[in-house]
Structure formats: structure tokens, C-alpha cells
Amino acid sequence: MTTTTWTAEAVVEEGRRLRNWGRWGEDDQIGTLNFITPEKIKEGATLVRQGKVIACALPYDANGPQIGAGFRRFNPMLHMMATGTDVAARTAPNPHGLGFADDMVIMPLQAGTQWDGFAHCFVEGQMYNGRDMRRVTSAGAQVNGVEQIADKVATRGVLLDIPRAKGLDWLEPGTPITVADLEACAELEGVTVGRGDALLVRTGHMTLCRSRGSWEGYAGGDAAGLCLEVPAWLHAKEVAAVATDTWGMEARPNETKDMFQPLHYILIPNMGMLVGEIFDFDRLAEDCAADGDSQRSWNGALPRREEGRSVL
């Protein structure tokens, strides 16, 4: 389970130490995505062998994980503005026997699988690259909006399936994922994590929810996740992005008593690291385990974490 060995002051200092402000110029708005070069994209393209496409996004529908627990978020709500029944009832235009349907969706932007924009978190009154947090107004983000990454996320992805490597179906909520866990899993899989990669970390939390038929506790509750020693490792590896299958990416309960979601404040406003949440890696993990790839071996297993073992 997680421990609370970090103070808020230590988190703030770690963020300053790993800060990437100005690294790619004062006008930069894409942060660590700068590690994704044309050469990196071509490298990733050469790895395609089967041509299979596996979606890692949850459907945006009424059955999603936002069931109203905290933050007043909810699942997408569909409103039909014009329907086939309207046309049949002649309450909608029907010239020459031609009709149409039209709809709208109402939802918070964190109602499903997502990348966090750099305008999402502030530290010491600023967001990524030293920009004033007051530039996020009721009209939206004037800088550092998520639209800046629209054509930037195409690279080699590295899936680290932590529970499978440990011989488990899922990690128990509250389990911290350490640097040692990440490195041991990568070694077991026969993969490396490096410059420009998108690191995809599966905890099995969605598998757990599906096994019990409920999203209860998923959004905002206890979860396995990355711990506070991981940002320095990501920084040294020059990773472009990190995503997990949990609501908030980091270990919950958090490792700090006096700061909420501390990893976010290191990664997003300081490092300019693209963070992904609520990714569905279950089908991808099953396919990777079953495809017979000689570089993936699950014959061994990482040791299970001892109850109460210290994170740091």
C-alpha cells in the first residue's frame, strides 16, 4: 500500500528540479512531445508487423466511469434534436421524402479516456513554461490548451503490463508502482523504455471493475498507480508521454498527506509531460500476451509486493 513519506514541500522542490521550462524555447506549448522527432515516428512505423488495430479508449456513453463520486463529473448525456420518429410524425422537415437525424452530447471533458492538457494544473501561480495561470479564463485556455497536441502524438508505445508480470489479474487498489517494478517488467517483456516513447502502464483496475460489474470507487477512489520516484526516471529516460488505465494515473491514497495528486504537479506544469488517464489496455494486453512474440515472455513473474512495504 502507499506510504506518506513525501511532504508537499518535497514535491514542490522535486518539480522545480525536474522543470523543463525554456528547454524548447519560450514559445513552446507541447513539452516532452518535443522528444517525438520524425525519426522516432519512422522508427515506430517499422515495428508494425500484423497491421492490427486495437482501440484503447472507452466508449463515450452513459455506462462510463464517472458515476458522480466527487468533482461533480458525470457520464456523457445524449440529446436527440431530430429523429426518424420526428420525421415520421411530420414534426421535422421531410421535403421529397428526405429527412435527417441530429444530436448533441453534454459531458465534462474528463468523462472518459483522455490526455491532460498543460492548462490543467498550476504550480506557484503558473502553468507549463512559466505562463500565468490567469490565462485560463471562463473563455477557456488562451495558451497551453490540449488542442496544441492534436497532431503531435504519434510514436512508439511501450506497454508495461505490471499485474501480468506479477502473475496477478490486477494490482490491488493502493498499490504503488515503483521504478523497480517498471524496470523489472520491461526486462521480463524484453522491451526498453527510451527517448520519445509513450509509456503505457496497465494496473488492471478496469479488469477489477469489470469483474465485479461496477465502476464504484474507480473515479477518485483508491487505485494502484505510479509513485513519486517515477518522474525523475521518466525525466532521465526522456519519455514523451505516460498513460495508465486508472482515473488519475498516480497511486491513491496519495503519498502526501497535505497535497492532492502530487504527481500531476511534477509532471504537467513542471516537466510538460503528457499524462493520459482512463485508457483501456485490457484487450491490448491480452493480444500482446497471446501473439507469440518472441520478445514477450511471461514464464516468470515479478515478486508480489509485501503488505505495508515502504515505497521509498
Protein backbone atom coordinates (compact mmCIF):
# COMPACT_ATOMS: atom_id res chain seq x y z
CA MET A 1 0.00 0.00 0.00
CA THR A 2 1.07 3.59 -0.43
CA THR A 3 3.00 5.44 2.25
CA THR A 4 3.11 9.15 3.09
CA THR A 5 6.84 9.78 3.14
CA TRP A 6 6.71 12.88 0.92
CA THR A 7 5.76 16.34 2.14
CA ALA A 8 4.18 18.98 -0.07
CA GLU A 9 7.41 20.96 0.16
CA ALA A 10 9.39 17.99 -1.14
CA VAL A 11 7.01 17.59 -4.07
CA VAL A 12 7.31 21.28 -4.96
CA GLU A 13 11.12 21.04 -4.82
CA GLU A 14 11.15 17.90 -6.97
CA GLY A 15 9.02 19.69 -9.54
CA ARG A 16 11.47 22.59 -9.66
CA ARG A 17 14.38 20.16 -10.00
CA LEU A 18 12.81 18.39 -12.99
CA ARG A 19 11.38 21.55 -14.58
CA ASN A 20 11.62 21.81 -18.38
CA TRP A 21 10.62 25.47 -18.73
CA GLY A 22 12.52 27.10 -21.58
CA ARG A 23 14.10 23.81 -22.68
CA TRP A 24 12.42 24.04 -26.10
CA GLY A 25 12.08 27.82 -26.22
CA GLU A 26 9.83 30.37 -24.55
CA ASP A 27 7.00 29.78 -27.06
CA ASP A 28 6.82 26.00 -26.57
CA GLN A 29 3.41 24.50 -25.73
CA ILE A 30 3.99 20.76 -26.27
CA GLY A 31 6.65 19.94 -23.66
CA THR A 32 8.06 16.42 -23.74
CA LEU A 33 6.30 15.72 -27.03
CA ASN A 34 9.34 17.51 -28.50
CA PHE A 35 11.12 14.19 -27.96
CA ILE A 36 8.96 12.75 -30.76
CA THR A 37 11.02 13.50 -33.85
CA PRO A 38 10.33 12.45 -37.46
CA GLU A 39 13.00 9.78 -36.96
CA LYS A 40 11.16 8.49 -33.88
CA ILE A 41 7.89 8.25 -35.81
CA LYS A 42 9.59 6.33 -38.61
CA GLU A 43 11.17 4.01 -36.04
CA GLY A 44 7.75 3.26 -34.60
CA ALA A 45 6.30 2.61 -38.06
CA THR A 46 8.93 -0.04 -38.79
CA LEU A 47 7.68 -2.08 -35.80
CA VAL A 48 4.28 -2.79 -37.38
CA ARG A 49 4.00 -6.48 -38.33
CA GLN A 50 0.37 -7.56 -38.15
CA GLY A 51 -1.41 -4.35 -39.10
CA LYS A 52 -3.94 -4.97 -36.34
CA VAL A 53 -5.73 -2.03 -34.72
CA ILE A 54 -6.80 -2.25 -31.05
CA ALA A 55 -8.62 0.73 -29.59
CA CYS A 56 -7.54 1.76 -26.09
CA ALA A 57 -10.35 4.25 -25.48
CA LEU A 58 -13.56 3.67 -23.55
CA PRO A 59 -16.81 4.43 -25.40
CA TYR A 60 -18.30 7.82 -24.56
CA ASP A 61 -21.70 6.71 -23.28
CA ALA A 62 -23.94 6.57 -20.23
CA ASN A 63 -22.14 3.48 -18.89
CA GLY A 64 -18.80 5.20 -18.30
CA PRO A 65 -16.75 5.51 -15.10
CA GLN A 66 -17.95 8.96 -13.96
CA ILE A 67 -20.75 7.96 -11.62
CA GLY A 68 -20.90 11.21 -9.65
CA ALA A 69 -18.33 10.46 -6.96
CA GLY A 70 -16.52 13.77 -6.41
CA PHE A 71 -15.79 16.69 -8.74
CA ARG A 72 -19.44 16.67 -9.91
CA ARG A 73 -18.42 14.86 -13.10
CA PHE A 74 -20.90 12.70 -14.95
CA ASN A 75 -21.07 10.38 -17.94
CA PRO A 76 -21.97 11.77 -21.39
CA MET A 77 -25.64 12.65 -21.87
CA LEU A 78 -27.14 12.34 -25.35
CA HIS A 79 -29.87 14.70 -26.53
CA MET A 80 -31.54 13.98 -29.87
CA MET A 81 -32.52 17.22 -31.60
CA ALA A 82 -34.10 15.48 -34.60
CA THR A 83 -35.03 11.83 -35.07
CA GLY A 84 -36.56 9.42 -37.51
CA THR A 85 -39.71 9.35 -35.40
CA ASP A 86 -39.91 13.15 -35.73
CA VAL A 87 -39.78 12.83 -39.49
CA ALA A 88 -42.37 10.06 -39.45
CA ALA A 89 -44.66 12.20 -37.28
CA ARG A 90 -44.09 15.12 -39.67
CA THR A 91 -42.78 17.31 -36.83
CA ALA A 92 -39.49 17.71 -38.69
CA PRO A 93 -38.81 18.78 -42.30
CA ASN A 94 -39.39 15.99 -44.83
CA PRO A 95 -39.14 17.52 -48.32
CA HIS A 96 -39.40 14.97 -51.13
CA GLY A 97 -39.33 12.15 -48.59
CA LEU A 98 -35.86 13.13 -47.34
CA GLY A 99 -35.20 13.50 -43.62
CA PHE A 100 -32.32 13.63 -41.15
CA ALA A 101 -31.37 12.96 -37.56
CA ASP A 102 -29.31 15.35 -35.44
CA ASP A 103 -27.93 15.16 -31.92
CA MET A 104 -25.79 16.76 -29.27
CA VAL A 105 -23.72 15.44 -26.37
CA ILE A 106 -23.26 17.12 -22.97
CA MET A 107 -20.33 15.95 -20.88
CA PRO A 108 -17.36 17.05 -18.81
CA LEU A 109 -14.15 16.66 -20.78
CA GLN A 110 -12.93 14.02 -18.31
CA ALA A 111 -15.84 11.67 -18.92
CA GLY A 112 -13.62 9.00 -20.46
CA THR A 113 -10.22 8.25 -21.96
CA GLN A 114 -8.18 11.45 -22.13
CA TRP A 115 -4.89 13.29 -22.31
CA ASP A 116 -4.47 16.09 -19.77
CA GLY A 117 -3.73 19.47 -21.36
CA PHE A 118 -0.98 21.64 -19.91
CA ALA A 119 -3.58 24.20 -18.80
CA HIS A 120 -4.98 21.61 -16.38
CA CYS A 121 -2.58 22.16 -13.45
CA PHE A 122 -0.87 25.20 -11.96
CA VAL A 123 2.15 25.47 -9.69
CA GLU A 124 3.14 28.65 -7.85
CA GLY A 125 0.66 30.63 -9.95
CA GLN A 126 1.98 29.34 -13.25
CA MET A 127 1.38 26.58 -15.74
CA TYR A 128 3.85 24.85 -18.07
CA ASN A 129 6.69 27.01 -19.41
CA GLY A 130 6.12 29.76 -16.85
CA ARG A 131 2.80 31.03 -18.18
CA ASP A 132 0.43 32.89 -15.86
CA MET A 133 -2.44 30.70 -14.68
CA ARG A 134 -4.80 33.68 -15.22
CA ARG A 135 -4.52 32.99 -18.93
CA VAL A 136 -7.02 30.19 -18.30
CA THR A 137 -10.32 32.09 -18.13
CA SER A 138 -14.04 31.43 -18.45
CA ALA A 139 -13.44 31.60 -22.20
CA GLY A 140 -11.02 28.68 -21.99
CA ALA A 141 -7.25 28.27 -22.11
CA GLN A 142 -5.58 31.09 -24.02
CA VAL A 143 -2.32 29.09 -24.08
CA ASN A 144 -1.28 25.50 -23.29
CA GLY A 145 -4.64 24.12 -24.43
CA VAL A 146 -4.91 20.44 -25.30
CA GLU A 147 -5.53 21.39 -28.95
CA GLN A 148 -1.79 22.09 -29.18
CA ILE A 149 -1.09 18.34 -29.26
CA ALA A 150 -3.65 17.45 -31.95
CA ASP A 151 -1.09 16.21 -34.49
CA LYS A 152 1.80 15.51 -32.13
CA VAL A 153 1.05 12.14 -30.51
CA ALA A 154 2.39 9.54 -32.95
CA THR A 155 5.26 7.48 -31.63
CA ARG A 156 6.43 4.11 -30.36
CA GLY A 157 4.30 2.87 -27.48
CA VAL A 158 5.67 0.58 -24.78
CA LEU A 159 3.10 -1.37 -22.76
CA LEU A 160 4.22 -2.49 -19.32
CA ASP A 161 1.63 -4.96 -18.02
CA ILE A 162 2.50 -4.91 -14.32
CA PRO A 163 -0.15 -7.31 -12.94
CA ARG A 164 0.52 -9.92 -15.62
CA ALA A 165 4.23 -9.71 -14.86
CA LYS A 166 3.43 -10.34 -11.20
CA GLY A 167 1.16 -13.27 -12.01
CA LEU A 168 -1.97 -11.32 -10.97
CA ASP A 169 -5.23 -10.36 -12.66
CA TRP A 170 -4.95 -6.83 -11.26
CA LEU A 171 -3.00 -4.82 -8.71
CA GLU A 172 -4.94 -4.17 -5.54
CA PRO A 173 -6.10 -0.55 -5.16
CA GLY A 174 -3.50 1.46 -3.27
CA THR A 175 -0.53 -0.49 -4.66
CA PRO A 176 2.38 1.80 -5.61
CA ILE A 177 4.22 1.12 -8.87
CA THR A 178 7.91 1.86 -8.35
CA VAL A 179 10.82 2.35 -10.73
CA ALA A 180 11.98 -1.16 -9.79
CA ASP A 181 8.57 -2.51 -10.85
CA LEU A 182 8.73 -0.73 -14.20
CA GLU A 183 12.28 -1.84 -14.94
CA ALA A 184 11.67 -5.45 -13.90
CA CYS A 185 8.55 -5.64 -16.03
CA ALA A 186 10.37 -4.19 -19.04
CA GLU A 187 13.18 -6.71 -18.60
CA LEU A 188 10.70 -9.57 -18.34
CA GLU A 189 8.92 -8.42 -21.50
CA GLY A 190 12.20 -7.90 -23.34
CA VAL A 191 11.47 -4.24 -24.10
CA THR A 192 13.17 -0.95 -23.34
CA VAL A 193 11.78 2.47 -22.48
CA GLY A 194 13.57 5.39 -24.07
CA ARG A 195 13.58 8.82 -25.66
CA GLY A 196 10.33 9.79 -27.35
CA ASP A 197 8.38 6.70 -26.23
CA ALA A 198 4.82 6.74 -24.92
CA LEU A 199 4.86 4.63 -21.76
CA LEU A 200 1.60 2.71 -21.25
CA VAL A 201 1.21 1.20 -17.80
CA ARG A 202 -1.53 -1.33 -17.10
CA THR A 203 -2.64 -1.81 -13.48
CA GLY A 204 -5.66 -3.99 -14.21
CA HIS A 205 -8.05 -1.59 -12.45
CA MET A 206 -10.55 -1.82 -15.31
CA THR A 207 -10.33 -5.61 -15.16
CA LEU A 208 -11.21 -5.39 -11.47
CA CYS A 209 -14.21 -3.15 -12.15
CA ARG A 210 -15.45 -5.42 -14.92
CA SER A 211 -15.07 -8.50 -12.72
CA ARG A 212 -17.44 -7.02 -10.14
CA GLY A 213 -19.72 -5.35 -12.68
CA SER A 214 -19.39 -1.86 -11.21
CA TRP A 215 -17.37 1.34 -11.58
CA GLU A 216 -17.84 2.02 -7.86
CA GLY A 217 -14.67 3.58 -6.42
CA TYR A 218 -12.94 3.91 -9.79
CA ALA A 219 -13.25 7.68 -10.22
CA GLY A 220 -11.44 9.34 -7.32
CA GLY A 221 -11.09 6.24 -5.15
CA ASP A 222 -8.10 4.12 -4.16
CA ALA A 223 -6.05 2.86 -7.10
CA ALA A 224 -2.73 1.33 -7.97
CA GLY A 225 -0.53 3.86 -9.70
CA LEU A 226 2.85 5.44 -10.28
CA CYS A 227 4.69 6.67 -7.19
CA LEU A 228 6.67 9.84 -6.64
CA GLU A 229 10.06 8.39 -7.51
CA VAL A 230 8.92 7.77 -11.09
CA PRO A 231 9.08 11.35 -12.52
CA ALA A 232 12.88 11.50 -12.17
CA TRP A 233 13.09 8.19 -14.06
CA LEU A 234 10.79 9.47 -16.82
CA HIS A 235 12.84 12.67 -17.00
CA ALA A 236 16.12 10.77 -17.34
CA LYS A 237 14.63 8.45 -19.98
CA GLU A 238 13.24 11.45 -21.91
CA VAL A 239 9.86 9.75 -22.23
CA ALA A 240 7.33 11.73 -24.30
CA ALA A 241 4.09 10.65 -22.61
CA VAL A 242 2.75 8.34 -19.92
CA ALA A 243 -0.73 6.82 -19.64
CA THR A 244 -2.44 4.34 -17.34
CA ASP A 245 -5.78 2.55 -17.06
CA THR A 246 -6.75 4.38 -13.87
CA TRP A 247 -8.73 7.54 -13.13
CA GLY A 248 -5.74 9.60 -12.03
CA MET A 249 -2.53 7.79 -13.09
CA GLU A 250 -0.86 8.00 -9.68
CA ALA A 251 -1.06 5.87 -6.55
CA ARG A 252 -4.10 6.57 -4.41
CA PRO A 253 -4.21 7.14 -1.50
CA ASN A 254 -1.57 9.70 -2.44
CA GLU A 255 1.90 9.58 -0.91
CA THR A 256 1.41 13.01 0.64
CA LYS A 257 -0.98 13.93 3.43
CA ASP A 258 -1.00 17.62 2.54
CA MET A 259 -1.21 17.62 -1.27
CA PHE A 260 -3.78 16.13 -3.65
CA GLN A 261 -2.48 14.25 -6.73
CA PRO A 262 1.16 15.36 -6.23
CA LEU A 263 2.49 13.54 -9.31
CA HIS A 264 0.34 15.77 -11.51
CA TYR A 265 2.12 18.88 -10.22
CA ILE A 266 5.53 17.48 -11.07
CA LEU A 267 4.67 16.05 -14.48
CA ILE A 268 2.25 18.52 -16.04
CA PRO A 269 3.13 22.12 -15.10
CA ASN A 270 6.81 21.50 -14.36
CA MET A 271 8.01 18.83 -16.79
CA GLY A 272 5.44 19.46 -19.50
CA MET A 273 4.81 15.70 -19.61
CA LEU A 274 1.72 14.50 -21.44
CA VAL A 275 -0.39 12.44 -18.99
CA GLY A 276 -3.10 10.01 -20.10
CA GLU A 277 -5.85 8.59 -17.90
CA ILE A 278 -8.72 6.08 -18.15
CA PHE A 279 -7.05 4.19 -21.01
CA ASP A 280 -8.42 0.70 -21.64
CA PHE A 281 -5.42 -1.60 -22.03
CA ASP A 282 -7.17 -4.92 -21.34
CA ARG A 283 -7.63 -6.06 -24.96
CA LEU A 284 -4.18 -4.80 -25.92
CA ALA A 285 -2.58 -6.66 -23.02
CA GLU A 286 -4.39 -9.89 -23.90
CA ASP A 287 -3.30 -9.62 -27.51
CA CYS A 288 0.31 -8.91 -26.57
CA ALA A 289 0.33 -11.93 -24.25
CA ALA A 290 -1.19 -14.21 -26.88
CA ASP A 291 0.57 -13.14 -30.07
CA GLY A 292 3.58 -15.41 -29.62
CA ASP A 293 6.07 -12.56 -29.90
CA SER A 294 9.49 -13.95 -29.03
CA GLN A 295 10.34 -10.70 -27.25
CA ARG A 296 7.49 -11.16 -24.79
CA SER A 297 7.91 -13.91 -22.22
CA TRP A 298 5.58 -14.37 -19.28
CA ASN A 299 7.18 -17.58 -17.99
CA GLY A 300 8.47 -15.78 -14.91
CA ALA A 301 6.73 -13.34 -12.63
CA LEU A 302 7.74 -10.35 -10.59
CA PRO A 303 7.53 -10.85 -6.84
CA ARG A 304 4.27 -9.81 -5.27
CA ARG A 305 4.58 -6.66 -3.16
CA GLU A 306 4.62 -7.31 0.57
CA GLU A 307 1.84 -5.65 2.53
CA GLY A 308 2.99 -2.39 4.09
CA ARG A 309 6.34 -2.29 2.31
CA SER A 310 7.76 1.21 2.06
CA VAL A 311 7.60 2.99 -1.31
CA LEU A 312 10.85 4.97 -0.94
